[in-house]
N, C-alpha and C. Protein backbone atom coordinates (compact mmCIF):
# COMPACT_ATOMS: atom_id res chain seq x y z
N MET A 1 93.11 49.98 -246.23
CA MET A 1 93.71 48.87 -247.03
C MET A 1 92.46 48.54 -248.02
N SER A 2 92.38 48.46 -249.20
CA SER A 2 91.22 47.86 -250.04
C SER A 2 91.64 46.38 -250.75
N PHE A 3 91.12 45.76 -250.98
CA PHE A 3 91.14 44.27 -251.87
C PHE A 3 90.53 44.39 -253.08
N VAL A 4 91.47 44.06 -253.84
CA VAL A 4 90.76 44.10 -255.55
C VAL A 4 90.74 42.45 -255.74
N TRP A 5 89.55 41.90 -256.07
CA TRP A 5 89.52 40.38 -256.50
C TRP A 5 90.46 40.34 -257.71
N PRO A 6 91.45 39.25 -257.61
CA PRO A 6 91.80 38.92 -259.16
C PRO A 6 91.14 38.33 -260.12
N VAL A 7 91.04 38.83 -261.26
CA VAL A 7 90.21 38.20 -262.32
C VAL A 7 90.28 36.99 -262.43
N THR A 8 91.60 36.60 -262.37
CA THR A 8 92.06 35.34 -263.07
C THR A 8 92.55 34.17 -262.01
N ALA A 9 92.63 34.57 -260.53
CA ALA A 9 93.32 33.82 -259.77
C ALA A 9 92.97 32.56 -259.88
N THR A 10 93.84 31.36 -260.18
CA THR A 10 93.76 30.31 -260.54
C THR A 10 94.17 29.17 -259.26
N LEU A 11 93.22 28.53 -258.98
CA LEU A 11 93.73 27.64 -257.97
C LEU A 11 93.33 26.21 -258.01
N PRO A 12 94.29 25.40 -257.98
CA PRO A 12 94.36 23.67 -258.37
C PRO A 12 92.90 23.14 -257.54
N LEU A 13 92.14 22.50 -258.21
CA LEU A 13 91.15 21.44 -257.37
C LEU A 13 91.65 20.50 -256.66
N PRO A 14 91.19 20.27 -255.28
CA PRO A 14 91.68 19.22 -254.51
C PRO A 14 91.49 18.10 -254.96
N GLU A 15 92.00 16.93 -254.81
CA GLU A 15 91.45 15.54 -255.18
C GLU A 15 90.09 15.34 -254.97
N PRO A 16 89.42 14.58 -255.49
CA PRO A 16 89.88 13.53 -256.66
C PRO A 16 89.60 13.86 -257.86
N MET A 17 89.58 15.29 -258.17
CA MET A 17 89.77 15.91 -259.57
C MET A 17 91.08 16.71 -260.00
N PRO A 18 92.12 15.94 -260.30
CA PRO A 18 93.32 16.86 -260.40
C PRO A 18 93.40 17.44 -261.92
N GLY A 19 93.78 18.61 -261.90
CA GLY A 19 93.94 19.07 -263.21
C GLY A 19 92.98 19.94 -263.73
N LEU A 20 91.70 20.06 -262.82
CA LEU A 20 90.78 21.01 -263.08
C LEU A 20 91.10 22.05 -262.13
N GLU A 21 91.05 23.45 -262.78
CA GLU A 21 91.30 24.70 -262.05
C GLU A 21 90.01 25.80 -261.92
N ALA A 22 90.43 26.33 -260.83
CA ALA A 22 89.12 26.94 -260.35
C ALA A 22 89.64 28.54 -260.45
N ARG A 23 88.52 29.38 -260.60
CA ARG A 23 88.96 30.96 -260.23
C ARG A 23 87.52 31.52 -259.84
N PHE A 24 87.98 32.59 -258.98
CA PHE A 24 86.76 33.37 -258.52
C PHE A 24 86.50 34.60 -259.52
N GLU A 25 85.09 34.76 -259.73
CA GLU A 25 84.53 35.48 -260.74
C GLU A 25 83.44 36.59 -259.95
N PRO A 26 83.21 37.85 -259.95
CA PRO A 26 82.04 38.52 -259.46
C PRO A 26 80.62 37.83 -259.95
N LEU A 27 79.75 37.59 -258.86
CA LEU A 27 78.46 36.94 -259.10
C LEU A 27 77.79 38.15 -259.85
N VAL A 28 77.48 38.15 -260.85
CA VAL A 28 77.01 39.02 -261.90
C VAL A 28 75.42 39.00 -262.15
N PRO A 29 74.57 39.72 -262.76
CA PRO A 29 73.56 39.30 -263.27
C PRO A 29 73.40 37.96 -264.41
N GLY A 30 74.25 38.11 -264.93
CA GLY A 30 74.31 37.14 -266.18
C GLY A 30 74.49 35.66 -265.62
N LEU A 31 74.80 35.39 -264.34
CA LEU A 31 75.05 34.16 -263.72
C LEU A 31 74.02 33.82 -262.76
N LEU A 32 73.07 34.63 -262.60
CA LEU A 32 71.69 34.40 -261.74
C LEU A 32 71.04 32.95 -261.87
N ASP A 33 70.98 32.86 -263.16
CA ASP A 33 70.38 31.40 -263.67
C ASP A 33 70.91 30.31 -263.00
N ALA A 34 72.45 30.48 -263.14
CA ALA A 34 73.23 29.17 -263.09
C ALA A 34 73.08 28.93 -261.04
N VAL A 35 73.29 30.20 -260.57
CA VAL A 35 73.40 30.30 -259.33
C VAL A 35 71.94 29.85 -258.68
N VAL A 36 70.97 30.27 -259.10
CA VAL A 36 69.92 29.81 -258.63
C VAL A 36 69.40 28.35 -258.70
N ALA A 37 70.01 27.68 -259.77
CA ALA A 37 69.84 26.38 -260.34
C ALA A 37 70.51 25.57 -259.08
N VAL A 38 71.86 25.88 -258.79
CA VAL A 38 72.65 25.31 -257.95
C VAL A 38 71.76 25.48 -256.61
N GLU A 39 71.46 26.48 -256.33
CA GLU A 39 70.80 27.02 -254.74
C GLU A 39 69.64 25.86 -254.81
N GLN A 40 68.81 25.70 -255.71
CA GLN A 40 67.60 25.01 -255.87
C GLN A 40 67.97 23.11 -255.48
N ARG A 41 69.20 22.86 -255.98
CA ARG A 41 69.56 21.70 -255.82
C ARG A 41 70.32 21.29 -254.49
N ALA A 42 70.70 22.45 -254.07
CA ALA A 42 71.49 22.31 -252.80
C ALA A 42 70.63 22.54 -251.42
N TYR A 43 69.58 22.96 -251.58
CA TYR A 43 68.60 23.52 -250.46
C TYR A 43 67.24 22.84 -250.37
N SER A 44 66.64 22.66 -249.32
CA SER A 44 65.33 22.54 -249.32
C SER A 44 64.48 23.94 -249.11
N HIS A 45 65.23 24.93 -248.69
CA HIS A 45 64.45 26.16 -248.59
C HIS A 45 65.53 27.05 -249.28
N PRO A 46 65.50 27.10 -250.64
CA PRO A 46 66.65 28.17 -251.48
C PRO A 46 66.25 29.70 -251.58
N TRP A 47 67.24 30.09 -251.69
CA TRP A 47 67.04 31.80 -251.96
C TRP A 47 66.26 31.94 -253.10
N SER A 48 65.44 32.77 -253.27
CA SER A 48 64.99 32.79 -254.85
C SER A 48 65.96 33.48 -255.71
N ARG A 49 65.56 34.00 -256.83
CA ARG A 49 66.25 34.62 -257.91
C ARG A 49 66.26 36.26 -257.11
N GLY A 50 65.24 36.61 -256.58
CA GLY A 50 64.90 38.06 -256.08
C GLY A 50 65.65 38.38 -255.00
N ASN A 51 66.24 37.19 -254.09
CA ASN A 51 67.03 37.46 -252.83
C ASN A 51 68.26 37.73 -253.48
N PHE A 52 68.81 36.96 -254.70
CA PHE A 52 70.00 37.26 -255.09
C PHE A 52 70.28 38.52 -255.93
N ALA A 53 69.23 38.81 -256.47
CA ALA A 53 69.21 40.08 -257.41
C ALA A 53 69.12 41.20 -256.09
N ASP A 54 68.29 41.25 -255.25
CA ASP A 54 68.38 42.10 -254.25
C ASP A 54 69.96 42.42 -253.68
N ALA A 55 70.47 41.20 -253.45
CA ALA A 55 72.00 41.28 -252.77
C ALA A 55 73.15 41.97 -253.64
N LEU A 56 72.88 42.02 -255.07
CA LEU A 56 73.62 42.46 -255.95
C LEU A 56 73.16 44.11 -255.95
N ALA A 57 71.99 44.05 -255.96
CA ALA A 57 71.48 45.47 -256.04
C ALA A 57 72.13 46.45 -254.83
N VAL A 58 72.21 45.81 -253.80
CA VAL A 58 72.75 46.74 -252.74
C VAL A 58 74.20 46.72 -252.51
N GLY A 59 74.98 45.77 -253.37
CA GLY A 59 76.39 46.19 -253.43
C GLY A 59 77.04 45.12 -252.63
N TYR A 60 76.28 43.90 -251.79
CA TYR A 60 76.75 42.88 -251.13
C TYR A 60 78.26 42.23 -251.97
N GLN A 61 79.11 41.58 -251.06
CA GLN A 61 80.24 40.96 -251.83
C GLN A 61 79.61 39.87 -252.23
N ALA A 62 79.63 39.31 -253.39
CA ALA A 62 79.27 38.26 -253.89
C ALA A 62 80.31 37.78 -255.21
N GLN A 63 80.76 36.66 -255.15
CA GLN A 63 81.88 35.90 -255.67
C GLN A 63 81.40 34.63 -256.09
N CYS A 64 81.65 33.88 -257.24
CA CYS A 64 81.26 32.98 -257.65
C CYS A 64 82.44 32.04 -257.86
N LEU A 65 82.65 30.66 -257.78
CA LEU A 65 83.91 30.02 -257.85
C LEU A 65 83.54 29.01 -259.01
N MET A 66 84.41 29.32 -260.24
CA MET A 66 84.09 28.71 -261.54
C MET A 66 85.10 27.74 -261.80
N ALA A 67 84.89 26.76 -262.57
CA ALA A 67 86.12 25.63 -262.98
C ALA A 67 86.04 25.50 -264.40
N GLY A 68 87.22 25.39 -264.72
CA GLY A 68 87.34 24.78 -265.82
C GLY A 68 86.95 25.58 -267.43
N ASP A 69 87.33 24.92 -268.61
CA ASP A 69 87.00 26.07 -269.55
C ASP A 69 85.64 26.27 -270.12
N ASP A 70 84.72 25.25 -269.22
CA ASP A 70 83.44 25.23 -269.74
C ASP A 70 82.54 26.19 -268.52
N ASP A 71 83.31 26.85 -267.86
CA ASP A 71 82.43 27.54 -266.54
C ASP A 71 81.68 26.86 -265.58
N ALA A 72 82.04 25.82 -265.27
CA ALA A 72 81.12 25.28 -264.60
C ALA A 72 81.10 25.81 -263.07
N LEU A 73 80.08 25.99 -262.63
CA LEU A 73 79.68 26.76 -261.28
C LEU A 73 80.13 25.99 -260.00
N ILE A 74 81.21 26.13 -259.23
CA ILE A 74 81.44 25.22 -258.19
C ILE A 74 80.84 25.59 -257.05
N GLY A 75 80.56 26.94 -256.83
CA GLY A 75 79.87 27.47 -255.68
C GLY A 75 79.97 28.70 -255.58
N TYR A 76 79.51 29.68 -254.53
CA TYR A 76 79.39 30.95 -254.52
C TYR A 76 79.21 31.25 -252.91
N PHE A 77 79.38 32.82 -252.65
CA PHE A 77 79.22 33.32 -251.43
C PHE A 77 78.92 34.95 -251.59
N ILE A 78 77.80 35.30 -250.70
CA ILE A 78 77.63 36.30 -250.61
C ILE A 78 77.73 37.05 -249.09
N ALA A 79 78.26 37.86 -248.87
CA ALA A 79 78.37 38.38 -247.46
C ALA A 79 78.11 40.19 -247.56
N MET A 80 77.81 40.63 -246.31
CA MET A 80 77.64 41.85 -246.00
C MET A 80 78.42 42.65 -245.09
N LYS A 81 79.13 43.79 -245.53
CA LYS A 81 80.12 44.43 -244.77
C LYS A 81 79.43 45.39 -243.89
N GLY A 82 79.85 45.46 -242.44
CA GLY A 82 79.38 46.33 -241.48
C GLY A 82 80.48 47.18 -241.11
N VAL A 83 80.30 47.47 -240.08
CA VAL A 83 81.53 48.57 -239.68
C VAL A 83 82.68 47.90 -239.08
N ASP A 84 82.64 46.93 -238.47
CA ASP A 84 83.92 45.94 -238.21
C ASP A 84 83.78 44.67 -238.17
N GLU A 85 82.81 44.30 -238.87
CA GLU A 85 82.53 42.93 -239.38
C GLU A 85 81.90 42.85 -240.85
N VAL A 86 81.94 41.31 -241.10
CA VAL A 86 81.21 40.97 -242.17
C VAL A 86 80.34 39.82 -241.74
N HIS A 87 79.22 40.07 -242.47
CA HIS A 87 78.24 38.64 -242.07
C HIS A 87 77.98 38.01 -243.48
N LEU A 88 78.37 36.52 -243.31
CA LEU A 88 78.15 35.84 -244.43
C LEU A 88 76.69 35.26 -244.39
N LEU A 89 76.02 35.72 -245.54
CA LEU A 89 74.53 35.43 -245.84
C LEU A 89 74.30 34.25 -246.50
N ASN A 90 75.13 33.68 -247.46
CA ASN A 90 74.82 32.45 -248.01
C ASN A 90 76.30 32.13 -248.81
N ILE A 91 76.66 30.84 -248.47
CA ILE A 91 77.58 30.15 -248.97
C ILE A 91 77.17 28.63 -249.45
N THR A 92 77.59 28.35 -250.57
CA THR A 92 76.89 27.17 -251.03
C THR A 92 77.74 26.45 -252.45
N VAL A 93 77.85 25.13 -252.08
CA VAL A 93 78.98 24.47 -253.09
C VAL A 93 78.00 23.64 -253.97
N ALA A 94 78.00 23.51 -255.01
CA ALA A 94 77.10 22.86 -255.76
C ALA A 94 77.36 21.38 -255.59
N PRO A 95 76.04 20.49 -255.27
CA PRO A 95 76.20 19.27 -254.96
C PRO A 95 77.27 18.45 -255.44
N GLU A 96 77.54 18.59 -256.88
CA GLU A 96 78.46 17.41 -257.66
C GLU A 96 79.84 18.02 -256.96
N PHE A 97 80.09 19.03 -256.33
CA PHE A 97 81.45 19.38 -256.18
C PHE A 97 81.63 19.43 -254.37
N GLN A 98 80.54 19.16 -253.93
CA GLN A 98 80.78 19.02 -252.31
C GLN A 98 81.72 18.05 -251.86
N ARG A 99 82.22 18.10 -250.32
CA ARG A 99 83.03 17.38 -249.96
C ARG A 99 84.37 17.08 -250.72
N GLN A 100 84.84 18.22 -251.32
CA GLN A 100 86.52 18.30 -252.16
C GLN A 100 86.77 19.70 -251.59
N GLY A 101 86.44 20.01 -250.76
CA GLY A 101 87.60 21.31 -249.88
C GLY A 101 86.96 22.70 -250.38
N TRP A 102 86.04 22.90 -251.23
CA TRP A 102 85.60 24.14 -251.77
C TRP A 102 85.17 25.11 -250.73
N ALA A 103 84.08 24.59 -250.14
CA ALA A 103 83.91 25.36 -248.98
C ALA A 103 84.87 26.19 -248.07
N VAL A 104 85.76 25.27 -247.90
CA VAL A 104 87.16 26.28 -247.12
C VAL A 104 87.78 26.82 -247.96
N LEU A 105 87.76 26.84 -249.14
CA LEU A 105 88.72 27.77 -250.06
C LEU A 105 87.73 29.03 -250.08
N MET A 106 86.62 28.88 -250.25
CA MET A 106 85.58 30.07 -250.39
C MET A 106 85.61 31.00 -248.85
N LEU A 107 85.65 30.11 -247.66
CA LEU A 107 85.58 30.75 -246.59
C LEU A 107 86.88 31.32 -246.44
N ASP A 108 88.26 30.80 -246.80
CA ASP A 108 89.21 31.49 -246.62
C ASP A 108 89.62 32.81 -247.67
N ALA A 109 88.85 32.65 -248.69
CA ALA A 109 88.88 34.21 -249.64
C ALA A 109 88.08 34.88 -248.88
N LEU A 110 86.75 34.82 -248.54
CA LEU A 110 86.18 35.71 -247.84
C LEU A 110 86.90 36.33 -246.63
N ALA A 111 87.60 35.63 -245.89
CA ALA A 111 88.36 35.79 -244.70
C ALA A 111 89.32 36.95 -245.08
N LEU A 112 90.01 36.60 -246.10
CA LEU A 112 91.00 37.44 -246.65
C LEU A 112 90.66 38.75 -247.21
N TRP A 113 89.36 38.70 -247.95
CA TRP A 113 88.45 39.90 -248.36
C TRP A 113 88.23 40.87 -247.26
N ALA A 114 87.56 39.92 -246.24
CA ALA A 114 86.90 40.83 -244.87
C ALA A 114 88.05 41.60 -244.17
N ARG A 115 89.26 41.04 -244.18
CA ARG A 115 90.48 41.57 -243.45
C ARG A 115 90.75 42.91 -244.22
N GLY A 116 90.94 42.73 -245.42
CA GLY A 116 91.19 43.69 -246.53
C GLY A 116 89.95 45.15 -246.12
N GLN A 117 89.17 44.56 -245.64
CA GLN A 117 88.01 45.88 -245.50
C GLN A 117 88.11 46.17 -244.22
N GLY A 118 89.14 45.54 -243.28
CA GLY A 118 88.95 46.32 -241.77
C GLY A 118 88.34 45.67 -240.96
N ALA A 119 87.72 44.51 -241.46
CA ALA A 119 86.80 43.72 -240.49
C ALA A 119 87.75 43.15 -239.56
N GLU A 120 87.07 43.21 -238.12
CA GLU A 120 87.68 42.22 -237.26
C GLU A 120 86.98 40.98 -236.96
N TRP A 121 85.84 40.82 -237.44
CA TRP A 121 84.94 39.55 -237.08
C TRP A 121 84.44 39.00 -238.33
N LEU A 122 83.91 37.73 -238.48
CA LEU A 122 83.01 37.25 -239.38
C LEU A 122 82.00 36.54 -238.95
N TRP A 123 80.90 36.55 -239.06
CA TRP A 123 79.54 36.04 -238.64
C TRP A 123 78.70 35.47 -239.72
N LEU A 124 77.97 34.44 -239.31
CA LEU A 124 77.23 33.69 -239.99
C LEU A 124 76.11 32.92 -239.18
N GLU A 125 75.20 32.46 -239.64
CA GLU A 125 74.06 31.35 -238.88
C GLU A 125 74.02 30.41 -239.95
N VAL A 126 73.74 29.15 -239.40
CA VAL A 126 73.74 27.80 -240.08
C VAL A 126 72.95 27.13 -239.35
N ARG A 127 72.11 26.45 -240.18
CA ARG A 127 70.67 25.51 -239.61
C ARG A 127 71.13 24.56 -238.67
N LEU A 128 70.69 24.52 -237.23
CA LEU A 128 71.17 23.48 -236.48
C LEU A 128 71.20 21.98 -236.99
N SER A 129 70.25 21.59 -238.02
CA SER A 129 70.30 20.37 -238.63
C SER A 129 71.67 20.45 -239.68
N ASN A 130 72.03 21.34 -239.76
CA ASN A 130 73.50 21.13 -240.94
C ASN A 130 74.61 21.13 -239.88
N VAL A 131 74.89 19.85 -239.58
CA VAL A 131 75.76 19.40 -238.79
C VAL A 131 77.29 19.50 -239.63
N ARG A 132 77.05 19.04 -240.74
CA ARG A 132 78.41 19.16 -241.51
C ARG A 132 78.94 20.47 -242.05
N ALA A 133 78.21 21.60 -242.23
CA ALA A 133 78.65 22.88 -242.41
C ALA A 133 79.05 23.27 -241.11
N GLN A 134 78.51 22.77 -239.80
CA GLN A 134 79.01 23.48 -238.55
C GLN A 134 80.16 22.75 -238.45
N GLN A 135 80.38 21.55 -238.80
CA GLN A 135 81.91 21.15 -238.69
C GLN A 135 83.09 21.75 -239.51
N VAL A 136 82.84 21.95 -240.73
CA VAL A 136 83.48 22.80 -241.59
C VAL A 136 83.89 24.13 -241.04
N TYR A 137 82.71 25.00 -240.31
CA TYR A 137 83.01 26.13 -239.79
C TYR A 137 83.91 25.93 -238.55
N LEU A 138 83.59 25.06 -237.82
CA LEU A 138 84.53 24.87 -236.52
C LEU A 138 86.13 24.62 -236.66
N ARG A 139 86.20 23.63 -237.91
CA ARG A 139 87.62 23.33 -238.30
C ARG A 139 88.25 24.80 -238.85
N ARG A 140 87.81 25.79 -239.28
CA ARG A 140 88.06 26.85 -239.75
C ARG A 140 88.06 28.13 -238.68
N GLY A 141 88.06 27.53 -237.56
CA GLY A 141 88.27 28.50 -236.44
C GLY A 141 86.78 29.17 -235.94
N PHE A 142 85.82 28.99 -236.61
CA PHE A 142 84.65 29.85 -236.04
C PHE A 142 84.00 29.06 -234.65
N ASN A 143 83.57 30.03 -233.70
CA ASN A 143 83.04 29.61 -232.48
C ASN A 143 81.48 29.72 -232.65
N ARG A 144 80.96 28.70 -231.73
CA ARG A 144 79.30 28.70 -231.68
C ARG A 144 79.14 29.95 -230.65
N VAL A 145 78.30 30.84 -230.81
CA VAL A 145 78.09 32.11 -229.85
C VAL A 145 76.78 32.18 -229.40
N GLY A 146 75.72 31.38 -230.07
CA GLY A 146 74.13 31.70 -229.75
C GLY A 146 73.61 30.88 -230.69
N VAL A 147 72.35 30.92 -230.22
CA VAL A 147 71.23 30.27 -231.04
C VAL A 147 69.89 31.34 -231.27
N ARG A 148 69.81 31.25 -232.68
CA ARG A 148 68.33 32.01 -232.92
C ARG A 148 67.19 31.45 -233.17
N ARG A 149 66.34 31.21 -232.26
CA ARG A 149 65.19 30.36 -232.32
C ARG A 149 64.20 30.57 -233.47
N GLY A 150 63.89 29.75 -234.12
CA GLY A 150 62.80 29.73 -235.21
C GLY A 150 63.28 30.67 -236.48
N TYR A 151 64.70 30.48 -236.71
CA TYR A 151 65.13 31.53 -237.70
C TYR A 151 64.95 31.21 -239.11
N TYR A 152 64.87 29.74 -239.42
CA TYR A 152 64.72 29.33 -240.72
C TYR A 152 63.75 28.66 -241.05
N PRO A 153 62.99 28.55 -242.48
CA PRO A 153 61.78 27.79 -242.53
C PRO A 153 62.14 26.67 -242.42
N ALA A 154 61.24 25.64 -242.01
CA ALA A 154 61.44 24.19 -242.09
C ALA A 154 60.35 23.46 -242.97
N GLY A 155 59.45 24.15 -243.58
CA GLY A 155 58.13 23.52 -244.27
C GLY A 155 56.82 23.09 -243.02
N ARG A 156 55.98 22.95 -243.80
CA ARG A 156 54.79 22.90 -243.06
C ARG A 156 54.59 23.33 -241.71
N GLY A 157 54.62 24.92 -242.12
CA GLY A 157 54.68 25.74 -241.19
C GLY A 157 55.56 25.86 -239.89
N GLU A 158 56.61 25.16 -239.87
CA GLU A 158 57.39 25.00 -238.87
C GLU A 158 58.63 25.75 -239.13
N ARG A 159 59.21 26.13 -238.02
CA ARG A 159 60.68 26.80 -238.18
C ARG A 159 61.81 26.22 -237.48
N GLU A 160 63.16 26.48 -237.76
CA GLU A 160 64.29 25.53 -237.44
C GLU A 160 65.05 26.78 -236.75
N ASP A 161 65.72 26.39 -235.70
CA ASP A 161 66.89 27.29 -235.00
C ASP A 161 68.01 27.62 -235.69
N ALA A 162 68.73 28.45 -235.78
CA ALA A 162 70.16 28.51 -236.49
C ALA A 162 71.10 28.70 -235.38
N VAL A 163 72.19 28.03 -235.66
CA VAL A 163 73.50 28.24 -234.67
C VAL A 163 74.08 29.51 -235.48
N VAL A 164 74.56 30.66 -234.30
CA VAL A 164 75.13 31.83 -234.73
C VAL A 164 76.56 31.51 -234.35
N MET A 165 77.35 31.71 -235.36
CA MET A 165 78.82 31.36 -235.41
C MET A 165 79.67 32.63 -235.63
N SER A 166 80.63 32.87 -234.69
CA SER A 166 81.79 33.86 -235.32
C SER A 166 83.20 33.36 -235.61
N LEU A 167 83.91 34.16 -236.05
CA LEU A 167 85.46 33.97 -236.14
C LEU A 167 86.09 35.15 -236.13
N LYS A 168 86.92 35.39 -235.14
CA LYS A 168 87.56 36.81 -235.27
C LYS A 168 88.94 36.69 -236.40
N ILE A 169 89.05 37.43 -237.03
CA ILE A 169 90.04 37.71 -237.94
C ILE A 169 91.18 38.63 -237.98
């Protein structure tokens, strides 16, 4: 069973911004500048333009969530398909759109795509300090299954642990 992303799937924006609509579009090279700009605003240790370009070059599932007629970038995700699983590599909501339900929408879209690919599991890592993201994942049914010690850079030569989470889909 294959899944084709609808080109113009329109979804209403959760409150408090009624009337604004969003749609998924493939992350293409022409969107890299906008994606990198959001990434740099959202994280202390952002992915580089090269990380995104490499993900596109190898064919990872990469989607942007765009809003309105001005194509505002709400967020994006990148995931890698395995044999019977999908690994979420990056999911980001632009700071100005955070706390409005967009991460949940993107997670649900990813799970739908993963099921269509025959995946049984969705996996991710999240910084130990990113409690808000962990709460979102837990509410969507993910379980904490382990810790990767020193997985993320934390500045000044330090490293931060990652919580490994999975979802049976």
